[in-house]
Each structure stands twice: as structure tokens, then as C-alpha cells.
């Protein structure tokens, strides 16, 4: 099992969820959910799972639980370039 960490900037409460490029060393992601009671964090994990094909249980927020600046850890068996996979349509 391979573990990779990815740094993100999250914009919650957006009209449309999606990846909107990069800023410095972080990937910018907009989410529909509001940042209350962990809703945006749950949507983020679901979004990353759908985008990469990695099961939700293998994706964890390791930094920034209550911040727009987050770091996630993704455990996977696949030979993936996660950054490219997230930035692709």
C-alpha cells in the first residue's frame, strides 16, 4: 500500500463542486457544502474518492480539519499520479 499526502485549498459553499487549478503547492477545490458540522470535510473525502477511484476509507484529513488549508493522506494500491488525476477532467 502506498501513502501520498496532497495539500489543498478548499472553498466551501460554492455553486458548483470541482477542481479549479493550483496555487503554489496546493490544489484548489470548491465544494457545495457549508463548513458546518463537518459537512464540507465529508463532501471533500467523497469528491476525492470519486475523482481518484480510491475508497473513502483510505482518505484521511491529516491537517486543517477546521481550515481552508488542508492536507489529506491517501492510501492506495494503484500506480496513480494523484495530482494529475485530481487536475484532470
N, C-alpha and C. Protein backbone atom coordinates (compact mmCIF):
# COMPACT_ATOMS: atom_id res chain seq x y z
N UNK A 1 0.86 -1.18 0.00
CA UNK A 1 0.00 0.00 0.00
C UNK A 1 0.90 1.24 0.00
N UNK A 2 0.56 2.17 -0.84
CA UNK A 2 1.33 3.41 -0.99
C UNK A 2 0.55 4.55 -0.35
N UNK A 3 1.23 5.43 0.39
CA UNK A 3 0.59 6.58 1.01
C UNK A 3 1.14 7.86 0.40
N UNK A 4 0.23 8.73 -0.02
CA UNK A 4 0.62 10.04 -0.55
C UNK A 4 -0.14 11.12 0.18
N UNK A 5 0.53 12.24 0.41
CA UNK A 5 -0.11 13.41 1.01
C UNK A 5 -0.31 14.47 -0.06
N UNK A 6 -1.47 15.11 -0.03
CA UNK A 6 -1.80 16.16 -1.00
C UNK A 6 -2.27 17.38 -0.23
N UNK A 7 -1.74 18.55 -0.58
CA UNK A 7 -2.14 19.80 0.06
C UNK A 7 -3.23 20.47 -0.79
N UNK A 8 -4.24 21.01 -0.10
CA UNK A 8 -5.40 21.58 -0.77
C UNK A 8 -5.77 22.95 -0.20
N UNK A 9 -6.47 23.73 -1.02
CA UNK A 9 -7.17 24.93 -0.56
C UNK A 9 -8.63 24.69 -0.89
N UNK A 10 -9.49 24.75 0.11
CA UNK A 10 -10.90 24.45 -0.05
C UNK A 10 -11.73 25.73 0.02
N UNK A 11 -12.67 25.86 -0.92
CA UNK A 11 -13.65 26.94 -0.87
C UNK A 11 -15.02 26.30 -0.69
N UNK A 12 -15.56 26.32 0.53
CA UNK A 12 -16.88 25.73 0.76
C UNK A 12 -18.00 26.66 0.30
N UNK A 13 -19.21 26.12 0.26
CA UNK A 13 -20.42 26.90 -0.06
C UNK A 13 -20.36 27.52 -1.46
N UNK A 14 -19.80 26.77 -2.41
CA UNK A 14 -19.72 27.23 -3.80
C UNK A 14 -20.92 26.72 -4.59
N UNK A 15 -21.20 27.36 -5.70
CA UNK A 15 -22.32 26.95 -6.54
C UNK A 15 -22.09 25.57 -7.15
N UNK A 16 -20.86 25.28 -7.54
CA UNK A 16 -20.53 24.01 -8.20
C UNK A 16 -19.27 23.43 -7.56
N UNK A 17 -19.28 22.13 -7.30
CA UNK A 17 -18.08 21.47 -6.78
C UNK A 17 -17.14 21.14 -7.93
N UNK A 18 -15.84 21.31 -7.68
CA UNK A 18 -14.87 20.97 -8.71
C UNK A 18 -13.47 21.42 -8.35
N UNK A 19 -12.52 21.02 -9.19
CA UNK A 19 -11.12 21.42 -9.03
C UNK A 19 -10.90 22.64 -9.91
N UNK A 20 -10.25 23.64 -9.35
CA UNK A 20 -10.05 24.90 -10.06
C UNK A 20 -8.59 25.30 -10.11
N UNK A 21 -7.71 24.35 -10.45
CA UNK A 21 -6.31 24.66 -10.64
C UNK A 21 -5.48 24.53 -9.39
N UNK A 22 -4.36 25.26 -9.39
CA UNK A 22 -3.42 25.19 -8.28
C UNK A 22 -3.03 26.58 -7.83
N UNK A 23 -2.52 26.65 -6.62
CA UNK A 23 -1.95 27.87 -6.07
C UNK A 23 -0.75 27.45 -5.24
N UNK A 24 0.42 27.88 -5.66
CA UNK A 24 1.68 27.46 -5.04
C UNK A 24 1.75 25.94 -5.05
N UNK A 25 1.83 25.29 -3.90
CA UNK A 25 1.94 23.83 -3.88
C UNK A 25 0.61 23.15 -3.53
N UNK A 26 -0.50 23.87 -3.69
CA UNK A 26 -1.81 23.33 -3.29
C UNK A 26 -2.77 23.25 -4.47
N UNK A 27 -3.67 22.28 -4.41
CA UNK A 27 -4.74 22.15 -5.40
C UNK A 27 -5.96 22.87 -4.86
N UNK A 28 -6.60 23.70 -5.69
CA UNK A 28 -7.79 24.46 -5.27
C UNK A 28 -9.05 23.66 -5.62
N UNK A 29 -9.88 23.44 -4.60
CA UNK A 29 -11.13 22.70 -4.78
C UNK A 29 -12.28 23.51 -4.20
N UNK A 30 -13.36 23.63 -4.98
CA UNK A 30 -14.58 24.28 -4.50
C UNK A 30 -15.61 23.19 -4.20
N UNK A 31 -16.34 23.36 -3.09
CA UNK A 31 -17.34 22.39 -2.65
C UNK A 31 -18.68 23.07 -2.42
N UNK A 32 -19.77 22.35 -2.69
CA UNK A 32 -21.12 22.88 -2.46
C UNK A 32 -21.45 23.02 -0.99
N UNK A 33 -20.99 22.09 -0.18
CA UNK A 33 -21.39 22.01 1.23
C UNK A 33 -20.92 23.21 2.04
N UNK A 34 -21.71 23.49 3.08
CA UNK A 34 -21.33 24.56 4.01
C UNK A 34 -20.35 24.00 5.04
N UNK A 35 -19.50 24.85 5.59
CA UNK A 35 -18.50 24.37 6.54
C UNK A 35 -19.04 24.27 7.96
N UNK A 36 -20.08 23.50 8.14
CA UNK A 36 -20.68 23.30 9.47
C UNK A 36 -20.84 21.82 9.73
N UNK A 37 -20.53 21.41 10.95
CA UNK A 37 -20.70 20.03 11.40
C UNK A 37 -19.97 19.02 10.50
N UNK A 38 -18.86 19.44 9.92
CA UNK A 38 -18.05 18.54 9.10
C UNK A 38 -18.60 18.22 7.73
N UNK A 39 -19.64 18.93 7.31
CA UNK A 39 -20.26 18.63 6.01
C UNK A 39 -19.30 18.81 4.84
N UNK A 40 -18.57 19.91 4.84
CA UNK A 40 -17.63 20.17 3.74
C UNK A 40 -16.50 19.13 3.75
N UNK A 41 -16.03 18.73 4.92
CA UNK A 41 -14.98 17.72 5.00
C UNK A 41 -15.47 16.38 4.46
N UNK A 42 -16.70 16.00 4.78
CA UNK A 42 -17.27 14.75 4.26
C UNK A 42 -17.41 14.82 2.75
N UNK A 43 -17.88 15.96 2.24
CA UNK A 43 -18.01 16.11 0.79
C UNK A 43 -16.63 16.06 0.13
N UNK A 44 -15.62 16.64 0.77
CA UNK A 44 -14.27 16.62 0.22
C UNK A 44 -13.77 15.18 0.05
N UNK A 45 -13.94 14.37 1.08
CA UNK A 45 -13.48 12.97 1.00
C UNK A 45 -14.23 12.22 -0.08
N UNK A 46 -15.53 12.43 -0.17
CA UNK A 46 -16.34 11.79 -1.22
C UNK A 46 -15.89 12.26 -2.60
N UNK A 47 -15.64 13.55 -2.75
CA UNK A 47 -15.20 14.12 -4.02
C UNK A 47 -13.86 13.53 -4.46
N UNK A 48 -12.90 13.48 -3.53
CA UNK A 48 -11.57 12.93 -3.83
C UNK A 48 -11.70 11.45 -4.21
N UNK A 49 -12.53 10.72 -3.50
CA UNK A 49 -12.74 9.30 -3.79
C UNK A 49 -13.30 9.11 -5.20
N UNK A 50 -14.31 9.88 -5.55
CA UNK A 50 -14.91 9.77 -6.88
C UNK A 50 -13.92 10.15 -7.98
N UNK A 51 -13.11 11.14 -7.72
CA UNK A 51 -12.16 11.64 -8.73
C UNK A 51 -10.99 10.68 -8.94
N UNK A 52 -10.53 10.01 -7.88
CA UNK A 52 -9.34 9.16 -7.97
C UNK A 52 -9.65 7.67 -8.05
N UNK A 53 -10.84 7.27 -7.64
CA UNK A 53 -11.17 5.85 -7.60
C UNK A 53 -10.66 5.14 -6.34
N UNK A 54 -10.14 5.91 -5.40
CA UNK A 54 -9.64 5.35 -4.13
C UNK A 54 -10.81 5.32 -3.14
N UNK A 55 -11.03 4.20 -2.43
CA UNK A 55 -12.14 4.14 -1.47
C UNK A 55 -12.05 5.23 -0.40
N UNK A 56 -13.20 5.70 0.05
CA UNK A 56 -13.26 6.76 1.07
C UNK A 56 -12.51 6.41 2.34
N UNK A 57 -12.56 5.14 2.73
CA UNK A 57 -11.90 4.73 3.98
C UNK A 57 -10.38 4.90 3.91
N UNK A 58 -9.82 5.05 2.71
CA UNK A 58 -8.38 5.22 2.53
C UNK A 58 -7.97 6.68 2.41
N UNK A 59 -8.91 7.60 2.61
CA UNK A 59 -8.62 9.03 2.50
C UNK A 59 -8.88 9.67 3.86
N UNK A 60 -7.88 10.36 4.39
CA UNK A 60 -7.99 11.00 5.71
C UNK A 60 -7.51 12.44 5.63
N UNK A 61 -8.16 13.31 6.38
CA UNK A 61 -7.68 14.68 6.54
C UNK A 61 -6.68 14.65 7.69
N UNK A 62 -5.42 14.99 7.40
CA UNK A 62 -4.39 14.91 8.44
C UNK A 62 -4.02 16.28 8.99
N UNK A 63 -4.43 17.35 8.30
CA UNK A 63 -4.17 18.71 8.80
C UNK A 63 -5.22 19.64 8.24
N UNK A 64 -5.65 20.60 9.06
CA UNK A 64 -6.59 21.62 8.60
C UNK A 64 -8.05 21.24 8.70
N UNK A 65 -8.39 20.43 9.67
CA UNK A 65 -9.78 19.99 9.85
C UNK A 65 -10.76 21.16 9.86
N UNK A 66 -10.37 22.29 10.43
CA UNK A 66 -11.25 23.46 10.53
C UNK A 66 -10.68 24.66 9.79
N UNK A 67 -9.93 24.39 8.74
CA UNK A 67 -9.28 25.45 7.96
C UNK A 67 -9.53 25.23 6.48
N UNK A 68 -9.38 26.28 5.68
CA UNK A 68 -9.49 26.09 4.23
C UNK A 68 -8.21 25.46 3.68
N UNK A 69 -7.12 25.53 4.44
CA UNK A 69 -5.86 24.91 4.04
C UNK A 69 -5.80 23.52 4.65
N UNK A 70 -5.90 22.50 3.82
CA UNK A 70 -5.96 21.13 4.32
C UNK A 70 -4.84 20.30 3.71
N UNK A 71 -4.52 19.23 4.41
CA UNK A 71 -3.62 18.22 3.86
C UNK A 71 -4.31 16.88 4.06
N UNK A 72 -4.40 16.12 2.98
CA UNK A 72 -5.04 14.81 3.07
C UNK A 72 -4.00 13.73 2.80
N UNK A 73 -4.25 12.58 3.39
CA UNK A 73 -3.42 11.40 3.18
C UNK A 73 -4.27 10.38 2.42
N UNK A 74 -3.70 9.85 1.34
CA UNK A 74 -4.42 8.89 0.51
C UNK A 74 -3.59 7.61 0.43
N UNK A 75 -4.18 6.50 0.88
CA UNK A 75 -3.55 5.18 0.79
C UNK A 75 -4.15 4.45 -0.41
N UNK A 76 -3.28 3.96 -1.29
CA UNK A 76 -3.80 3.26 -2.47
C UNK A 76 -2.81 2.21 -2.95
N UNK A 77 -3.34 1.23 -3.67
CA UNK A 77 -2.53 0.17 -4.27
C UNK A 77 -2.15 0.49 -5.70
N UNK A 78 -2.84 1.43 -6.27
CA UNK A 78 -2.70 1.72 -7.70
C UNK A 78 -1.45 2.54 -7.98
N UNK A 79 -1.01 2.47 -9.23
CA UNK A 79 0.10 3.30 -9.68
C UNK A 79 -0.51 4.60 -10.21
N UNK A 80 -0.82 5.52 -9.29
CA UNK A 80 -1.51 6.76 -9.64
C UNK A 80 -0.62 7.97 -9.45
N UNK A 81 -0.76 8.93 -10.34
CA UNK A 81 -0.22 10.26 -10.08
C UNK A 81 -1.43 11.06 -9.59
N UNK A 82 -1.58 11.15 -8.28
CA UNK A 82 -2.79 11.74 -7.70
C UNK A 82 -3.02 13.18 -8.11
N UNK A 83 -1.95 13.96 -8.19
CA UNK A 83 -2.10 15.36 -8.58
C UNK A 83 -2.67 15.46 -9.99
N UNK A 84 -2.13 14.68 -10.91
CA UNK A 84 -2.63 14.69 -12.29
C UNK A 84 -4.07 14.20 -12.35
N UNK A 85 -4.37 13.17 -11.58
CA UNK A 85 -5.73 12.60 -11.56
C UNK A 85 -6.74 13.63 -11.04
N UNK A 86 -6.37 14.37 -10.00
CA UNK A 86 -7.27 15.38 -9.45
C UNK A 86 -7.45 16.55 -10.40
N UNK A 87 -6.40 16.93 -11.11
CA UNK A 87 -6.48 18.08 -12.00
C UNK A 87 -7.11 17.76 -13.36
N UNK A 88 -7.27 16.46 -13.68
CA UNK A 88 -7.87 16.09 -14.96
C UNK A 88 -9.38 16.22 -14.92
N UNK A 89 -9.98 16.36 -16.08
CA UNK A 89 -11.45 16.48 -16.16
C UNK A 89 -12.09 15.16 -16.13
